[in-house]
Amino acid sequence: MDLSLLEFSIDFEGQKLVDSIISILSYISIPISFLIGFSTGSVVNLVISFASFIILSWLIVLPAWPKYNQNPSNWQQVKYEF
């Protein structure tokens, strides 16, 4: 079994981008979900709308899109001496 298929590598700049995307989507989805729930008078609609925003944000940030790995880190090579 090839475990490299399960590795979703992103660089540090990609992690910052994902963090800002999650923050922006949270700031947008919470008031919209509240307004949907308040206007319909239903907590169920509030939860459904918020869950749909969460699923949308997962689809945006969970796959390791190539734009999240545009600045790979160059690590220093370790020299082993025996």
N, C-alpha and C. Protein backbone atom coordinates (compact mmCIF):
# COMPACT_ATOMS: atom_id res chain seq x y z
N MET A 1 0.84 -1.18 0.00
CA MET A 1 0.00 0.00 0.00
C MET A 1 0.89 1.24 0.00
N ASP A 2 0.63 2.13 -0.92
CA ASP A 2 1.44 3.34 -1.07
C ASP A 2 0.86 4.45 -0.20
N LEU A 3 1.56 4.76 0.88
CA LEU A 3 1.07 5.79 1.81
C LEU A 3 1.33 7.20 1.32
N SER A 4 2.10 7.35 0.25
CA SER A 4 2.35 8.70 -0.27
C SER A 4 1.07 9.31 -0.84
N LEU A 5 0.10 8.48 -1.17
CA LEU A 5 -1.18 9.01 -1.65
C LEU A 5 -1.97 9.68 -0.54
N LEU A 6 -1.67 9.33 0.70
CA LEU A 6 -2.37 9.92 1.83
C LEU A 6 -1.68 11.16 2.37
N GLU A 7 -0.55 11.52 1.79
CA GLU A 7 0.19 12.69 2.26
C GLU A 7 -0.31 13.93 1.53
N PHE A 8 -0.80 14.88 2.28
CA PHE A 8 -1.31 16.12 1.72
C PHE A 8 -0.39 17.25 2.16
N SER A 9 0.70 17.42 1.43
CA SER A 9 1.70 18.39 1.87
C SER A 9 1.37 19.78 1.34
N ILE A 10 1.44 20.75 2.24
CA ILE A 10 1.37 22.15 1.86
C ILE A 10 2.49 22.87 2.59
N ASP A 11 2.94 23.97 2.00
CA ASP A 11 4.04 24.70 2.61
C ASP A 11 3.52 25.70 3.65
N PHE A 12 4.47 26.43 4.25
CA PHE A 12 4.09 27.35 5.32
C PHE A 12 3.23 28.51 4.81
N GLU A 13 3.54 29.00 3.62
CA GLU A 13 2.72 30.08 3.05
C GLU A 13 1.32 29.56 2.72
N GLY A 14 1.23 28.32 2.28
CA GLY A 14 -0.08 27.71 2.03
C GLY A 14 -0.88 27.55 3.31
N GLN A 15 -0.19 27.24 4.41
CA GLN A 15 -0.88 27.13 5.70
C GLN A 15 -1.44 28.48 6.14
N LYS A 16 -0.68 29.55 5.89
CA LYS A 16 -1.18 30.89 6.22
C LYS A 16 -2.39 31.23 5.36
N LEU A 17 -2.33 30.86 4.08
CA LEU A 17 -3.45 31.12 3.18
C LEU A 17 -4.70 30.35 3.61
N VAL A 18 -4.53 29.09 3.98
CA VAL A 18 -5.65 28.28 4.46
C VAL A 18 -6.24 28.87 5.73
N ASP A 19 -5.39 29.35 6.63
CA ASP A 19 -5.86 29.96 7.87
C ASP A 19 -6.68 31.21 7.58
N SER A 20 -6.22 32.04 6.65
CA SER A 20 -6.98 33.25 6.33
C SER A 20 -8.29 32.92 5.62
N ILE A 21 -8.29 31.90 4.77
CA ILE A 21 -9.53 31.50 4.09
C ILE A 21 -10.55 30.99 5.10
N ILE A 22 -10.11 30.16 6.05
CA ILE A 22 -11.01 29.65 7.08
C ILE A 22 -11.56 30.80 7.92
N SER A 23 -10.71 31.76 8.26
CA SER A 23 -11.17 32.90 9.07
C SER A 23 -12.21 33.72 8.32
N ILE A 24 -11.94 34.01 7.07
CA ILE A 24 -12.88 34.81 6.27
C ILE A 24 -14.20 34.08 6.10
N LEU A 25 -14.13 32.79 5.78
CA LEU A 25 -15.37 32.02 5.62
C LEU A 25 -16.15 31.92 6.92
N SER A 26 -15.46 31.85 8.05
CA SER A 26 -16.16 31.82 9.34
C SER A 26 -16.84 33.15 9.62
N TYR A 27 -16.13 34.26 9.35
CA TYR A 27 -16.71 35.57 9.59
C TYR A 27 -17.92 35.83 8.69
N ILE A 28 -17.94 35.21 7.53
CA ILE A 28 -19.07 35.37 6.62
C ILE A 28 -20.20 34.41 6.97
N SER A 29 -19.87 33.16 7.26
CA SER A 29 -20.91 32.14 7.43
C SER A 29 -21.69 32.28 8.72
N ILE A 30 -21.07 32.73 9.79
CA ILE A 30 -21.78 32.83 11.07
C ILE A 30 -22.92 33.84 11.01
N PRO A 31 -22.69 35.09 10.56
CA PRO A 31 -23.83 36.02 10.50
C PRO A 31 -24.90 35.61 9.48
N ILE A 32 -24.47 35.04 8.34
CA ILE A 32 -25.46 34.63 7.35
C ILE A 32 -26.31 33.49 7.89
N SER A 33 -25.69 32.54 8.56
CA SER A 33 -26.46 31.43 9.15
C SER A 33 -27.40 31.95 10.23
N PHE A 34 -26.93 32.91 11.02
CA PHE A 34 -27.80 33.49 12.05
C PHE A 34 -28.99 34.20 11.41
N LEU A 35 -28.75 34.96 10.36
CA LEU A 35 -29.85 35.67 9.69
C LEU A 35 -30.84 34.70 9.07
N ILE A 36 -30.34 33.62 8.49
CA ILE A 36 -31.24 32.61 7.91
C ILE A 36 -32.08 31.98 9.01
N GLY A 37 -31.45 31.61 10.11
CA GLY A 37 -32.19 31.00 11.21
C GLY A 37 -33.17 31.97 11.85
N PHE A 38 -32.77 33.23 12.01
CA PHE A 38 -33.64 34.23 12.63
C PHE A 38 -34.82 34.59 11.73
N SER A 39 -34.54 34.74 10.43
CA SER A 39 -35.62 35.14 9.51
C SER A 39 -36.64 34.02 9.32
N THR A 40 -36.21 32.77 9.38
CA THR A 40 -37.16 31.67 9.23
C THR A 40 -37.71 31.21 10.56
N GLY A 41 -37.10 31.65 11.65
CA GLY A 41 -37.56 31.25 12.98
C GLY A 41 -37.30 29.79 13.28
N SER A 42 -36.24 29.26 12.68
CA SER A 42 -35.97 27.84 12.84
C SER A 42 -34.49 27.61 13.15
N VAL A 43 -34.25 26.92 14.25
CA VAL A 43 -32.88 26.57 14.59
C VAL A 43 -32.35 25.52 13.62
N VAL A 44 -33.24 24.69 13.11
CA VAL A 44 -32.83 23.66 12.15
C VAL A 44 -32.26 24.31 10.89
N ASN A 45 -32.90 25.36 10.40
CA ASN A 45 -32.38 26.06 9.22
C ASN A 45 -31.04 26.72 9.52
N LEU A 46 -30.87 27.23 10.72
CA LEU A 46 -29.59 27.81 11.13
C LEU A 46 -28.50 26.75 11.08
N VAL A 47 -28.77 25.59 11.66
CA VAL A 47 -27.77 24.52 11.71
C VAL A 47 -27.47 23.99 10.31
N ILE A 48 -28.49 23.84 9.49
CA ILE A 48 -28.28 23.34 8.12
C ILE A 48 -27.45 24.33 7.31
N SER A 49 -27.76 25.62 7.42
CA SER A 49 -27.00 26.61 6.66
C SER A 49 -25.55 26.69 7.16
N PHE A 50 -25.35 26.61 8.47
CA PHE A 50 -23.98 26.65 8.98
C PHE A 50 -23.22 25.39 8.58
N ALA A 51 -23.87 24.24 8.62
CA ALA A 51 -23.22 22.99 8.21
C ALA A 51 -22.85 23.04 6.72
N SER A 52 -23.70 23.66 5.91
CA SER A 52 -23.37 23.76 4.49
C SER A 52 -22.17 24.67 4.27
N PHE A 53 -22.05 25.73 5.06
CA PHE A 53 -20.86 26.58 4.97
C PHE A 53 -19.60 25.83 5.41
N ILE A 54 -19.73 25.01 6.44
CA ILE A 54 -18.59 24.22 6.91
C ILE A 54 -18.14 23.24 5.83
N ILE A 55 -19.09 22.56 5.20
CA ILE A 55 -18.76 21.62 4.13
C ILE A 55 -18.13 22.34 2.95
N LEU A 56 -18.64 23.53 2.62
CA LEU A 56 -18.05 24.32 1.55
C LEU A 56 -16.61 24.70 1.88
N SER A 57 -16.37 25.12 3.11
CA SER A 57 -15.00 25.48 3.49
C SER A 57 -14.08 24.26 3.48
N TRP A 58 -14.59 23.09 3.86
CA TRP A 58 -13.79 21.87 3.79
C TRP A 58 -13.40 21.56 2.34
N LEU A 59 -14.35 21.74 1.42
CA LEU A 59 -14.05 21.48 0.02
C LEU A 59 -13.01 22.45 -0.53
N ILE A 60 -12.95 23.64 0.05
CA ILE A 60 -11.99 24.63 -0.42
C ILE A 60 -10.60 24.37 0.15
N VAL A 61 -10.51 24.00 1.43
CA VAL A 61 -9.19 23.95 2.07
C VAL A 61 -8.63 22.55 2.33
N LEU A 62 -9.45 21.52 2.40
CA LEU A 62 -8.91 20.20 2.75
C LEU A 62 -8.09 19.54 1.65
N PRO A 63 -8.49 19.56 0.40
CA PRO A 63 -7.59 18.95 -0.60
C PRO A 63 -6.31 19.77 -0.72
N ALA A 64 -5.22 19.11 -0.97
CA ALA A 64 -3.95 19.82 -1.13
C ALA A 64 -3.86 20.38 -2.55
N TRP A 65 -4.54 21.49 -2.76
CA TRP A 65 -4.53 22.12 -4.07
C TRP A 65 -3.12 22.60 -4.37
N PRO A 66 -2.73 22.65 -5.65
CA PRO A 66 -1.37 23.09 -5.99
C PRO A 66 -1.06 24.52 -5.53
N LYS A 67 -2.07 25.37 -5.39
CA LYS A 67 -1.79 26.74 -4.96
C LYS A 67 -1.33 26.80 -3.51
N TYR A 68 -1.55 25.73 -2.74
CA TYR A 68 -1.09 25.69 -1.35
C TYR A 68 0.35 25.21 -1.23
N ASN A 69 0.97 24.84 -2.33
CA ASN A 69 2.34 24.32 -2.28
C ASN A 69 3.22 25.02 -3.32
N GLN A 70 3.08 26.34 -3.43
CA GLN A 70 3.85 27.09 -4.41
C GLN A 70 5.20 27.56 -3.88
N ASN A 71 5.39 27.56 -2.57
CA ASN A 71 6.63 28.02 -1.96
C ASN A 71 7.23 26.92 -1.08
N PRO A 72 7.74 25.86 -1.69
CA PRO A 72 8.26 24.75 -0.86
C PRO A 72 9.50 25.19 -0.07
N SER A 73 9.65 24.61 1.09
CA SER A 73 10.79 24.92 1.95
C SER A 73 12.01 24.12 1.50
N ASN A 74 13.14 24.78 1.54
CA ASN A 74 14.41 24.10 1.25
C ASN A 74 15.07 23.78 2.57
N TRP A 75 15.03 22.52 2.93
CA TRP A 75 15.59 22.10 4.21
C TRP A 75 17.07 21.82 4.06
N GLN A 76 17.80 22.09 5.10
CA GLN A 76 19.23 21.81 5.09
C GLN A 76 19.45 20.31 5.20
N GLN A 77 20.34 19.81 4.37
CA GLN A 77 20.63 18.39 4.36
C GLN A 77 21.50 18.02 5.56
N VAL A 78 21.19 16.92 6.18
CA VAL A 78 21.95 16.44 7.33
C VAL A 78 23.11 15.60 6.82
N LYS A 79 24.29 15.89 7.36
CA LYS A 79 25.47 15.12 6.98
C LYS A 79 25.80 14.18 8.13
N TYR A 80 25.78 12.91 7.82
CA TYR A 80 26.09 11.89 8.82
C TYR A 80 27.57 11.53 8.72
N GLU A 81 28.23 11.60 9.83
CA GLU A 81 29.63 11.19 9.88
C GLU A 81 29.79 10.13 10.96
N PHE A 82 30.41 9.04 10.59
CA PHE A 82 30.65 7.96 11.55
C PHE A 82 32.11 7.80 11.81
